[in-house]
Amino acid sequence: MSAGYEKKDVNVKQLTIVGFAIIAFLAISMVLLNEYFLIEKEAVVYDEVLKPKSISLAELQARENKVLTSYQLVDSTKQVYSIPIADAMELYLKENSSSK
């Protein structure tokens, strides 16, 4: 017949060892995760900020800048010209503000 309670005490030594093992596991996991995230953060910073630009990207940006900031003849038969984007925005605002 059962008396309704345990007849022997818990093994304190074994419980202490298991508790310290869990705490050690958590501490080691936290340190390793912290190191992993620091390594990944440094990799992202390198890719986004420190990595040298490719030559083709620099050439593309230079061509885009030239197109956006210079005057060019687009079609000589139709007399179509390309003007800098800043001038185009100013003309657009002047034309639309005077029509109101």
Foldseek 3Di string as FASTA:
>chain_A
DDPPDDDDDDDVVVVVVVVVVVVVVVVVVVVVVVVVVVVVVVVVCCVPPVPDDDPVVVVVVVVVVCQQDDKDQDDPVVRDIRHHPVVVVVVVCVVVVVVD
